[in-house]
PDB file of all heavy atoms in Angstrom:
ATOM      1  N   VAL A   1     203.496  98.911 -29.996  1.00  0.00           N
ATOM      2  CA  VAL A   1     202.558  98.494 -28.951  1.00  0.00           C
ATOM      3  C   VAL A   1     201.596  99.633 -28.613  1.00  0.00           C
ATOM      4  O   VAL A   1     200.388  99.413 -28.446  1.00  0.00           O
ATOM      5  CB  VAL A   1     203.331  98.014 -27.696  1.00  0.00           C
ATOM      6  CG1 VAL A   1     202.400  97.796 -26.526  1.00  0.00           C
ATOM      7  CG2 VAL A   1     204.108  96.746 -28.009  1.00  0.00           C
ATOM      8  N   LEU A   2     202.110 100.866 -28.526  1.00  0.00           N
ATOM      9  CA  LEU A   2     201.249 102.017 -28.244  1.00  0.00           C
ATOM     10  C   LEU A   2     200.197 102.196 -29.331  1.00  0.00           C
ATOM     11  O   LEU A   2     199.019 102.446 -29.038  1.00  0.00           O
ATOM     12  CB  LEU A   2     202.085 103.284 -28.105  1.00  0.00           C
ATOM     13  CG  LEU A   2     201.298 104.566 -27.838  1.00  0.00           C
ATOM     14  CD1 LEU A   2     200.676 104.525 -26.452  1.00  0.00           C
ATOM     15  CD2 LEU A   2     202.192 105.772 -27.983  1.00  0.00           C
ATOM     16  N   GLY A   3     200.594 102.060 -30.582  1.00  0.00           N
ATOM     17  CA  GLY A   3     199.637 102.165 -31.684  1.00  0.00           C
ATOM     18  C   GLY A   3     198.565 101.090 -31.600  1.00  0.00           C
ATOM     19  O   GLY A   3     197.388 101.348 -31.861  1.00  0.00           O
ATOM     20  N   ALA A   4     198.956  99.868 -31.219  1.00  0.00           N
ATOM     21  CA  ALA A   4     197.982  98.781 -31.075  1.00  0.00           C
ATOM     22  C   ALA A   4     197.004  99.080 -29.935  1.00  0.00           C
ATOM     23  O   ALA A   4     195.798  98.856 -30.066  1.00  0.00           O
ATOM     24  CB  ALA A   4     198.703  97.456 -30.837  1.00  0.00           C
ATOM     25  N   LEU A   5     197.511  99.599 -28.831  1.00  0.00           N
ATOM     26  CA  LEU A   5     196.635  99.929 -27.711  1.00  0.00           C
ATOM     27  C   LEU A   5     195.666 101.057 -28.060  1.00  0.00           C
ATOM     28  O   LEU A   5     194.488 101.014 -27.678  1.00  0.00           O
ATOM     29  CB  LEU A   5     197.469 100.307 -26.484  1.00  0.00           C
ATOM     30  CG  LEU A   5     198.259  99.168 -25.835  1.00  0.00           C
ATOM     31  CD1 LEU A   5     199.132  99.696 -24.723  1.00  0.00           C
ATOM     32  CD2 LEU A   5     197.322  98.095 -25.330  1.00  0.00           C
ATOM     33  N   VAL A   6     196.139 102.056 -28.783  1.00  0.00           N
ATOM     34  CA  VAL A   6     195.256 103.146 -29.214  1.00  0.00           C
ATOM     35  C   VAL A   6     194.214 102.616 -30.195  1.00  0.00           C
ATOM     36  O   VAL A   6     193.041 103.017 -30.147  1.00  0.00           O
ATOM     37  CB  VAL A   6     196.075 104.301 -29.833  1.00  0.00           C
ATOM     38  CG1 VAL A   6     195.190 105.310 -30.533  1.00  0.00           C
ATOM     39  CG2 VAL A   6     196.899 104.992 -28.765  1.00  0.00           C
ATOM     40  N   GLY A   7     194.590 101.695 -31.061  1.00  0.00           N
ATOM     41  CA  GLY A   7     193.632 101.095 -31.994  1.00  0.00           C
ATOM     42  C   GLY A   7     192.560 100.285 -31.284  1.00  0.00           C
ATOM     43  O   GLY A   7     191.377 100.360 -31.635  1.00  0.00           O
ATOM     44  N   ILE A   8     192.960  99.520 -30.258  1.00  0.00           N
ATOM     45  CA  ILE A   8     191.994  98.724 -29.493  1.00  0.00           C
ATOM     46  C   ILE A   8     191.058  99.645 -28.715  1.00  0.00           C
ATOM     47  O   ILE A   8     189.832  99.467 -28.713  1.00  0.00           O
ATOM     48  CB  ILE A   8     192.729  97.748 -28.560  1.00  0.00           C
ATOM     49  CG1 ILE A   8     193.432  96.670 -29.386  1.00  0.00           C
ATOM     50  CG2 ILE A   8     191.757  97.112 -27.568  1.00  0.00           C
ATOM     51  CD1 ILE A   8     194.385  95.800 -28.588  1.00  0.00           C
ATOM     52  N   ALA A   9     191.631 100.643 -28.040  1.00  0.00           N
ATOM     53  CA  ALA A   9     190.796 101.578 -27.273  1.00  0.00           C
ATOM     54  C   ALA A   9     189.851 102.345 -28.194  1.00  0.00           C
ATOM     55  O   ALA A   9     188.682 102.565 -27.862  1.00  0.00           O
ATOM     56  CB  ALA A   9     191.685 102.545 -26.497  1.00  0.00           C
ATOM     57  N   GLY A  10     190.347 102.739 -29.348  1.00  0.00           N
ATOM     58  CA  GLY A  10     189.500 103.454 -30.302  1.00  0.00           C
ATOM     59  C   GLY A  10     188.353 102.591 -30.798  1.00  0.00           C
ATOM     60  O   GLY A  10     187.231 103.072 -30.961  1.00  0.00           O
ATOM     61  N   ALA A  11     188.620 101.310 -31.010  1.00  0.00           N
ATOM     62  CA  ALA A  11     187.567 100.407 -31.472  1.00  0.00           C
ATOM     63  C   ALA A  11     186.461 100.279 -30.432  1.00  0.00           C
ATOM     64  O   ALA A  11     185.271 100.242 -30.774  1.00  0.00           O
ATOM     65  CB  ALA A  11     188.158  99.030 -31.763  1.00  0.00           C
ATOM     66  N   LEU A  12     186.841 100.241 -29.174  1.00  0.00           N
ATOM     67  CA  LEU A  12     185.832 100.134 -28.128  1.00  0.00           C
ATOM     68  C   LEU A  12     185.051 101.421 -27.941  1.00  0.00           C
ATOM     69  O   LEU A  12     183.849 101.408 -27.698  1.00  0.00           O
ATOM     70  CB  LEU A  12     186.513  99.727 -26.810  1.00  0.00           C
ATOM     71  CG  LEU A  12     187.200  98.358 -26.828  1.00  0.00           C
ATOM     72  CD1 LEU A  12     187.947  98.120 -25.540  1.00  0.00           C
ATOM     73  CD2 LEU A  12     186.195  97.251 -27.090  1.00  0.00           C
ATOM     74  N   VAL A  13     185.707 102.562 -28.082  1.00  0.00           N
ATOM     75  CA  VAL A  13     185.061 103.853 -27.870  1.00  0.00           C
ATOM     76  C   VAL A  13     184.144 104.214 -29.035  1.00  0.00           C
ATOM     77  O   VAL A  13     183.091 104.817 -28.840  1.00  0.00           O
ATOM     78  CB  VAL A  13     186.134 104.944 -27.645  1.00  0.00           C
ATOM     79  CG1 VAL A  13     185.553 106.328 -27.683  1.00  0.00           C
ATOM     80  CG2 VAL A  13     186.845 104.714 -26.328  1.00  0.00           C
ATOM     81  N   VAL A  14     184.511 103.847 -30.256  1.00  0.00           N
ATOM     82  CA  VAL A  14     183.704 104.191 -31.437  1.00  0.00           C
ATOM     83  C   VAL A  14     182.294 103.610 -31.305  1.00  0.00           C
ATOM     84  O   VAL A  14     181.301 104.292 -31.579  1.00  0.00           O
ATOM     85  CB  VAL A  14     184.379 103.693 -32.736  1.00  0.00           C
ATOM     86  CG1 VAL A  14     183.416 103.673 -33.898  1.00  0.00           C
ATOM     87  CG2 VAL A  14     185.563 104.563 -33.058  1.00  0.00           C
ATOM     88  N   GLU A  15     182.200 102.376 -30.868  1.00  0.00           N
ATOM     89  CA  GLU A  15     180.889 101.728 -30.768  1.00  0.00           C
ATOM     90  C   GLU A  15     180.186 102.039 -29.457  1.00  0.00           C
ATOM     91  O   GLU A  15     178.974 101.919 -29.366  1.00  0.00           O
ATOM     92  CB  GLU A  15     181.041 100.212 -30.934  1.00  0.00           C
ATOM     93  CG  GLU A  15     181.590  99.800 -32.279  1.00  0.00           C
ATOM     94  CD  GLU A  15     180.722 100.239 -33.440  1.00  0.00           C
ATOM     95  OE1 GLU A  15     179.482 100.280 -33.312  1.00  0.00           O
ATOM     96  OE2 GLU A  15     181.296 100.562 -34.497  1.00  0.00           O
ATOM     97  N   ALA A  16     180.916 102.433 -28.425  1.00  0.00           N
ATOM     98  CA  ALA A  16     180.304 102.689 -27.122  1.00  0.00           C
ATOM     99  C   ALA A  16     179.592 104.035 -27.071  1.00  0.00           C
ATOM    100  O   ALA A  16     178.492 104.132 -26.518  1.00  0.00           O
ATOM    101  CB  ALA A  16     181.361 102.625 -26.024  1.00  0.00           C
ATOM    102  N   TRP A  17     180.200 105.082 -27.599  1.00  0.00           N
ATOM    103  CA  TRP A  17     179.634 106.437 -27.585  1.00  0.00           C
ATOM    104  C   TRP A  17     179.506 106.914 -29.024  1.00  0.00           C
ATOM    105  O   TRP A  17     180.414 107.566 -29.545  1.00  0.00           O
ATOM    106  CB  TRP A  17     180.521 107.392 -26.799  1.00  0.00           C
ATOM    107  CG  TRP A  17     180.780 106.970 -25.395  1.00  0.00           C
ATOM    108  CD1 TRP A  17     179.907 106.376 -24.545  1.00  0.00           C
ATOM    109  CD2 TRP A  17     182.000 107.123 -24.681  1.00  0.00           C
ATOM    110  NE1 TRP A  17     180.506 106.150 -23.344  1.00  0.00           N
ATOM    111  CE2 TRP A  17     181.797 106.596 -23.390  1.00  0.00           C
ATOM    112  CE3 TRP A  17     183.252 107.645 -24.987  1.00  0.00           C
ATOM    113  CZ2 TRP A  17     182.783 106.582 -22.428  1.00  0.00           C
ATOM    114  CZ3 TRP A  17     184.232 107.630 -24.024  1.00  0.00           C
ATOM    115  CH2 TRP A  17     183.995 107.105 -22.763  1.00  0.00           C
ATOM    116  N   PRO A  18     178.400 106.631 -29.671  1.00  0.00           N
ATOM    117  CA  PRO A  18     178.290 106.828 -31.114  1.00  0.00           C
ATOM    118  C   PRO A  18     178.825 108.124 -31.722  1.00  0.00           C
ATOM    119  O   PRO A  18     179.775 108.047 -32.478  1.00  0.00           O
ATOM    120  CB  PRO A  18     176.808 106.644 -31.387  1.00  0.00           C
ATOM    121  CG  PRO A  18     176.367 105.727 -30.329  1.00  0.00           C
ATOM    122  CD  PRO A  18     177.195 106.045 -29.127  1.00  0.00           C
ATOM    123  N   PRO A  19     178.332 109.299 -31.478  1.00  0.00           N
ATOM    124  CA  PRO A  19     178.932 110.404 -32.238  1.00  0.00           C
ATOM    125  C   PRO A  19     180.260 110.881 -31.655  1.00  0.00           C
ATOM    126  O   PRO A  19     181.221 111.094 -32.385  1.00  0.00           O
ATOM    127  CB  PRO A  19     177.870 111.506 -32.189  1.00  0.00           C
ATOM    128  CG  PRO A  19     177.015 111.187 -31.024  1.00  0.00           C
ATOM    129  CD  PRO A  19     177.156 109.735 -30.738  1.00  0.00           C
ATOM    130  N   GLY A  20     180.318 111.039 -30.337  1.00  0.00           N
ATOM    131  CA  GLY A  20     181.528 111.574 -29.710  1.00  0.00           C
ATOM    132  C   GLY A  20     182.660 110.572 -29.641  1.00  0.00           C
ATOM    133  O   GLY A  20     183.833 110.949 -29.618  1.00  0.00           O
ATOM    134  N   GLY A  21     182.341 109.294 -29.613  1.00  0.00           N
ATOM    135  CA  GLY A  21     183.373 108.266 -29.536  1.00  0.00           C
ATOM    136  C   GLY A  21     184.241 108.216 -30.775  1.00  0.00           C
ATOM    137  O   GLY A  21     185.446 107.988 -30.708  1.00  0.00           O
ATOM    138  N   LEU A  22     183.623 108.442 -31.918  1.00  0.00           N
ATOM    139  CA  LEU A  22     184.376 108.456 -33.175  1.00  0.00           C
ATOM    140  C   LEU A  22     185.367 109.609 -33.205  1.00  0.00           C
ATOM    141  O   LEU A  22     186.533 109.429 -33.559  1.00  0.00           O
ATOM    142  CB  LEU A  22     183.415 108.548 -34.358  1.00  0.00           C
ATOM    143  CG  LEU A  22     184.042 108.669 -35.739  1.00  0.00           C
ATOM    144  CD1 LEU A  22     184.863 107.429 -36.051  1.00  0.00           C
ATOM    145  CD2 LEU A  22     182.976 108.882 -36.786  1.00  0.00           C
ATOM    146  N   VAL A  23     184.918 110.781 -32.793  1.00  0.00           N
ATOM    147  CA  VAL A  23     185.806 111.946 -32.761  1.00  0.00           C
ATOM    148  C   VAL A  23     186.930 111.725 -31.754  1.00  0.00           C
ATOM    149  O   VAL A  23     188.102 112.004 -32.038  1.00  0.00           O
ATOM    150  CB  VAL A  23     184.999 113.226 -32.418  1.00  0.00           C
ATOM    151  CG1 VAL A  23     185.922 114.407 -32.220  1.00  0.00           C
ATOM    152  CG2 VAL A  23     183.982 113.506 -33.499  1.00  0.00           C
ATOM    153  N   LEU A  24     186.598 111.192 -30.589  1.00  0.00           N
ATOM    154  CA  LEU A  24     187.602 110.922 -29.571  1.00  0.00           C
ATOM    155  C   LEU A  24     188.632 109.900 -30.049  1.00  0.00           C
ATOM    156  O   LEU A  24     189.839 110.073 -29.853  1.00  0.00           O
ATOM    157  CB  LEU A  24     186.927 110.432 -28.287  1.00  0.00           C
ATOM    158  CG  LEU A  24     187.823 110.164 -27.098  1.00  0.00           C
ATOM    159  CD1 LEU A  24     188.472 111.461 -26.632  1.00  0.00           C
ATOM    160  CD2 LEU A  24     187.025 109.543 -25.976  1.00  0.00           C
ATOM    161  N   ALA A  25     188.182 108.845 -30.722  1.00  0.00           N
ATOM    162  CA  ALA A  25     189.088 107.812 -31.226  1.00  0.00           C
ATOM    163  C   ALA A  25     190.013 108.362 -32.312  1.00  0.00           C
ATOM    164  O   ALA A  25     191.209 108.044 -32.339  1.00  0.00           O
ATOM    165  CB  ALA A  25     188.288 106.631 -31.764  1.00  0.00           C
ATOM    166  N   LEU A  26     189.465 109.194 -33.192  1.00  0.00           N
ATOM    167  CA  LEU A  26     190.297 109.775 -34.250  1.00  0.00           C
ATOM    168  C   LEU A  26     191.305 110.768 -33.685  1.00  0.00           C
ATOM    169  O   LEU A  26     192.458 110.821 -34.136  1.00  0.00           O
ATOM    170  CB  LEU A  26     189.426 110.434 -35.316  1.00  0.00           C
ATOM    171  CG  LEU A  26     188.683 109.468 -36.236  1.00  0.00           C
ATOM    172  CD1 LEU A  26     187.740 110.222 -37.157  1.00  0.00           C
ATOM    173  CD2 LEU A  26     189.660 108.625 -37.033  1.00  0.00           C
ATOM    174  N   LEU A  27     190.901 111.554 -32.686  1.00  0.00           N
ATOM    175  CA  LEU A  27     191.846 112.483 -32.058  1.00  0.00           C
ATOM    176  C   LEU A  27     192.940 111.728 -31.306  1.00  0.00           C
ATOM    177  O   LEU A  27     194.100 112.148 -31.313  1.00  0.00           O
ATOM    178  CB  LEU A  27     191.104 113.438 -31.120  1.00  0.00           C
ATOM    179  CG  LEU A  27     190.295 114.526 -31.794  1.00  0.00           C
ATOM    180  CD1 LEU A  27     189.518 115.331 -30.758  1.00  0.00           C
ATOM    181  CD2 LEU A  27     191.178 115.430 -32.625  1.00  0.00           C
ATOM    182  N   ALA A  28     192.587 110.616 -30.663  1.00  0.00           N
ATOM    183  CA  ALA A  28     193.599 109.802 -29.979  1.00  0.00           C
ATOM    184  C   ALA A  28     194.583 109.207 -30.977  1.00  0.00           C
ATOM    185  O   ALA A  28     195.798 109.165 -30.727  1.00  0.00           O
ATOM    186  CB  ALA A  28     192.917 108.699 -29.171  1.00  0.00           C
ATOM    187  N   SER A  29     194.086 108.748 -32.109  1.00  0.00           N
ATOM    188  CA  SER A  29     194.964 108.200 -33.147  1.00  0.00           C
ATOM    189  C   SER A  29     195.889 109.278 -33.700  1.00  0.00           C
ATOM    190  O   SER A  29     197.095 109.054 -33.857  1.00  0.00           O
ATOM    191  CB  SER A  29     194.136 107.601 -34.282  1.00  0.00           C
ATOM    192  OG  SER A  29     193.333 106.553 -33.817  1.00  0.00           O
ATOM    193  N   LEU A  30     195.333 110.445 -33.977  1.00  0.00           N
ATOM    194  CA  LEU A  30     196.139 111.556 -34.476  1.00  0.00           C
ATOM    195  C   LEU A  30     197.195 111.957 -33.453  1.00  0.00           C
ATOM    196  O   LEU A  30     198.356 112.196 -33.807  1.00  0.00           O
ATOM    197  CB  LEU A  30     195.243 112.747 -34.817  1.00  0.00           C
ATOM    198  CG  LEU A  30     195.935 113.979 -35.388  1.00  0.00           C
ATOM    199  CD1 LEU A  30     196.546 113.661 -36.735  1.00  0.00           C
ATOM    200  CD2 LEU A  30     194.958 115.125 -35.498  1.00  0.00           C
ATOM    201  N   GLY A  31     196.820 112.007 -32.189  1.00  0.00           N
ATOM    202  CA  GLY A  31     197.783 112.334 -31.130  1.00  0.00           C
ATOM    203  C   GLY A  31     198.879 111.290 -31.001  1.00  0.00           C
ATOM    204  O   GLY A  31     200.054 111.623 -30.790  1.00  0.00           O
ATOM    205  N   CYS A  32     198.508 110.030 -31.147  1.00  0.00           N
ATOM    206  CA  CYS A  32     199.505 108.951 -31.092  1.00  0.00           C
ATOM    207  C   CYS A  32     200.491 109.067 -32.245  1.00  0.00           C
ATOM    208  O   CYS A  32     201.712 108.976 -32.053  1.00  0.00           O
ATOM    209  CB  CYS A  32     198.790 107.604 -31.125  1.00  0.00           C
ATOM    210  SG  CYS A  32     199.882 106.184 -31.223  1.00  0.00           S
ATOM    211  N   PHE A  33     200.001 109.300 -33.449  1.00  0.00           N
ATOM    212  CA  PHE A  33     200.873 109.387 -34.619  1.00  0.00           C
ATOM    213  C   PHE A  33     201.761 110.631 -34.572  1.00  0.00           C
ATOM    214  O   PHE A  33     202.947 110.567 -34.887  1.00  0.00           O
ATOM    215  CB  PHE A  33     200.052 109.371 -35.910  1.00  0.00           C
ATOM    216  CG  PHE A  33     199.205 108.144 -36.076  1.00  0.00           C
ATOM    217  CD1 PHE A  33     197.974 108.214 -36.708  1.00  0.00           C
ATOM    218  CD2 PHE A  33     199.617 106.918 -35.589  1.00  0.00           C
ATOM    219  CE1 PHE A  33     197.189 107.094 -36.864  1.00  0.00           C
ATOM    220  CE2 PHE A  33     198.828 105.788 -35.740  1.00  0.00           C
ATOM    221  CZ  PHE A  33     197.612 105.876 -36.372  1.00  0.00           C
ATOM    222  N   MET A  34     201.201 111.756 -34.154  1.00  0.00           N
ATOM    223  CA  MET A  34     202.001 112.979 -34.077  1.00  0.00           C
ATOM    224  C   MET A  34     203.029 112.886 -32.956  1.00  0.00           C
ATOM    225  O   MET A  34     204.169 113.338 -33.106  1.00  0.00           O
ATOM    226  CB  MET A  34     201.070 114.189 -33.871  1.00  0.00           C
ATOM    227  CG  MET A  34     201.750 115.490 -34.117  1.00  0.00           C
ATOM    228  SD  MET A  34     202.319 115.592 -35.824  1.00  0.00           S
ATOM    229  CE  MET A  34     203.584 116.793 -35.649  1.00  0.00           C
TER     230      MET A  34
END
């Protein structure tokens, strides 16, 4: 469930804040997996 929530939040952030949102979404995913 946590992975799904991070994926949904990342999808919204990637398109909302173009350059920084992608970095933020990838760092959140990496933090979730680690």
